[in-house]
Amino acid sequence: MAGIRFQGVSKRFGAVTAVDSVDLEIHDGEFFALLGP
């Protein structure tokens, strides 16, 4: 069972696409870290 689920996530900065249609699933009991600027 997914604790957190993201589907089709996109991020744009003007004309620049930084992230395009990302899917992510983090299950109960898993540890996840996302580092960025």
N, C-alpha and C. Protein backbone atom coordinates (compact mmCIF):
# COMPACT_ATOMS: atom_id res chain seq x y z
N MET A 1 0.84 -1.19 0.00
CA MET A 1 0.00 0.00 0.00
C MET A 1 0.88 1.25 0.00
N ALA A 2 0.56 2.19 -0.83
CA ALA A 2 1.34 3.42 -0.93
C ALA A 2 0.99 4.38 0.20
N GLY A 3 2.02 4.90 0.86
CA GLY A 3 1.81 5.93 1.86
C GLY A 3 1.60 7.28 1.20
N ILE A 4 2.38 7.52 0.14
CA ILE A 4 2.28 8.75 -0.65
C ILE A 4 2.43 8.39 -2.12
N ARG A 5 1.60 8.98 -2.96
CA ARG A 5 1.69 8.73 -4.40
C ARG A 5 1.51 10.05 -5.15
N PHE A 6 2.44 10.33 -6.06
CA PHE A 6 2.33 11.46 -6.97
C PHE A 6 2.25 10.90 -8.38
N GLN A 7 1.37 11.43 -9.18
CA GLN A 7 1.24 10.98 -10.56
C GLN A 7 1.19 12.18 -11.49
N GLY A 8 2.01 12.14 -12.55
CA GLY A 8 1.98 13.17 -13.58
C GLY A 8 2.44 14.54 -13.13
N VAL A 9 3.41 14.60 -12.21
CA VAL A 9 3.89 15.87 -11.69
C VAL A 9 4.80 16.55 -12.71
N SER A 10 4.55 17.82 -12.98
CA SER A 10 5.36 18.61 -13.90
C SER A 10 5.69 19.95 -13.26
N LYS A 11 6.86 20.50 -13.60
CA LYS A 11 7.26 21.81 -13.10
C LYS A 11 7.95 22.56 -14.22
N ARG A 12 7.49 23.77 -14.46
CA ARG A 12 8.07 24.60 -15.52
C ARG A 12 8.48 25.95 -14.96
N PHE A 13 9.55 26.49 -15.49
CA PHE A 13 10.01 27.83 -15.17
C PHE A 13 10.01 28.60 -16.48
N GLY A 14 8.94 29.31 -16.75
CA GLY A 14 8.79 29.99 -18.04
C GLY A 14 8.72 28.96 -19.16
N ALA A 15 9.64 29.06 -20.10
CA ALA A 15 9.66 28.13 -21.24
C ALA A 15 10.47 26.86 -20.95
N VAL A 16 11.12 26.80 -19.77
CA VAL A 16 11.97 25.66 -19.42
C VAL A 16 11.18 24.65 -18.60
N THR A 17 11.16 23.40 -19.05
CA THR A 17 10.51 22.32 -18.31
C THR A 17 11.57 21.62 -17.46
N ALA A 18 11.45 21.74 -16.13
CA ALA A 18 12.42 21.13 -15.22
C ALA A 18 12.06 19.68 -14.93
N VAL A 19 10.77 19.39 -14.79
CA VAL A 19 10.27 18.04 -14.51
C VAL A 19 9.04 17.85 -15.37
N ASP A 20 8.96 16.69 -16.03
CA ASP A 20 7.84 16.46 -16.94
C ASP A 20 7.19 15.11 -16.68
N SER A 21 6.00 15.14 -16.12
CA SER A 21 5.16 13.95 -15.94
C SER A 21 5.85 12.84 -15.14
N VAL A 22 6.30 13.17 -13.93
CA VAL A 22 6.97 12.20 -13.06
C VAL A 22 5.95 11.51 -12.16
N ASP A 23 6.10 10.20 -12.01
CA ASP A 23 5.29 9.42 -11.08
C ASP A 23 6.20 8.93 -9.95
N LEU A 24 5.70 8.98 -8.71
CA LEU A 24 6.48 8.56 -7.56
C LEU A 24 5.55 7.91 -6.56
N GLU A 25 5.99 6.77 -6.02
CA GLU A 25 5.20 6.07 -5.01
C GLU A 25 6.12 5.68 -3.86
N ILE A 26 5.77 6.10 -2.66
CA ILE A 26 6.54 5.79 -1.46
C ILE A 26 5.64 4.96 -0.56
N HIS A 27 6.10 3.75 -0.24
CA HIS A 27 5.29 2.82 0.55
C HIS A 27 5.45 3.07 2.04
N ASP A 28 4.47 2.63 2.81
CA ASP A 28 4.54 2.72 4.27
C ASP A 28 5.83 2.06 4.76
N GLY A 29 6.54 2.71 5.65
CA GLY A 29 7.76 2.17 6.21
C GLY A 29 9.02 2.52 5.43
N GLU A 30 8.89 3.10 4.24
CA GLU A 30 10.05 3.51 3.46
C GLU A 30 10.47 4.92 3.84
N PHE A 31 11.76 5.20 3.69
CA PHE A 31 12.30 6.54 3.93
C PHE A 31 12.77 7.07 2.59
N PHE A 32 12.39 8.31 2.26
CA PHE A 32 12.73 8.90 0.98
C PHE A 32 13.18 10.33 1.20
N ALA A 33 14.27 10.72 0.54
CA ALA A 33 14.76 12.10 0.63
C ALA A 33 15.04 12.60 -0.78
N LEU A 34 14.61 13.81 -1.06
CA LEU A 34 14.85 14.44 -2.35
C LEU A 34 15.61 15.73 -2.09
N LEU A 35 16.81 15.81 -2.64
CA LEU A 35 17.65 17.00 -2.45
C LEU A 35 17.71 17.78 -3.75
N GLY A 36 17.68 19.06 -3.64
CA GLY A 36 17.76 19.90 -4.82
C GLY A 36 18.16 21.32 -4.45
N PRO A 37 18.27 22.16 -5.45
CA PRO A 37 18.69 23.53 -5.19
C PRO A 37 17.67 24.32 -4.39
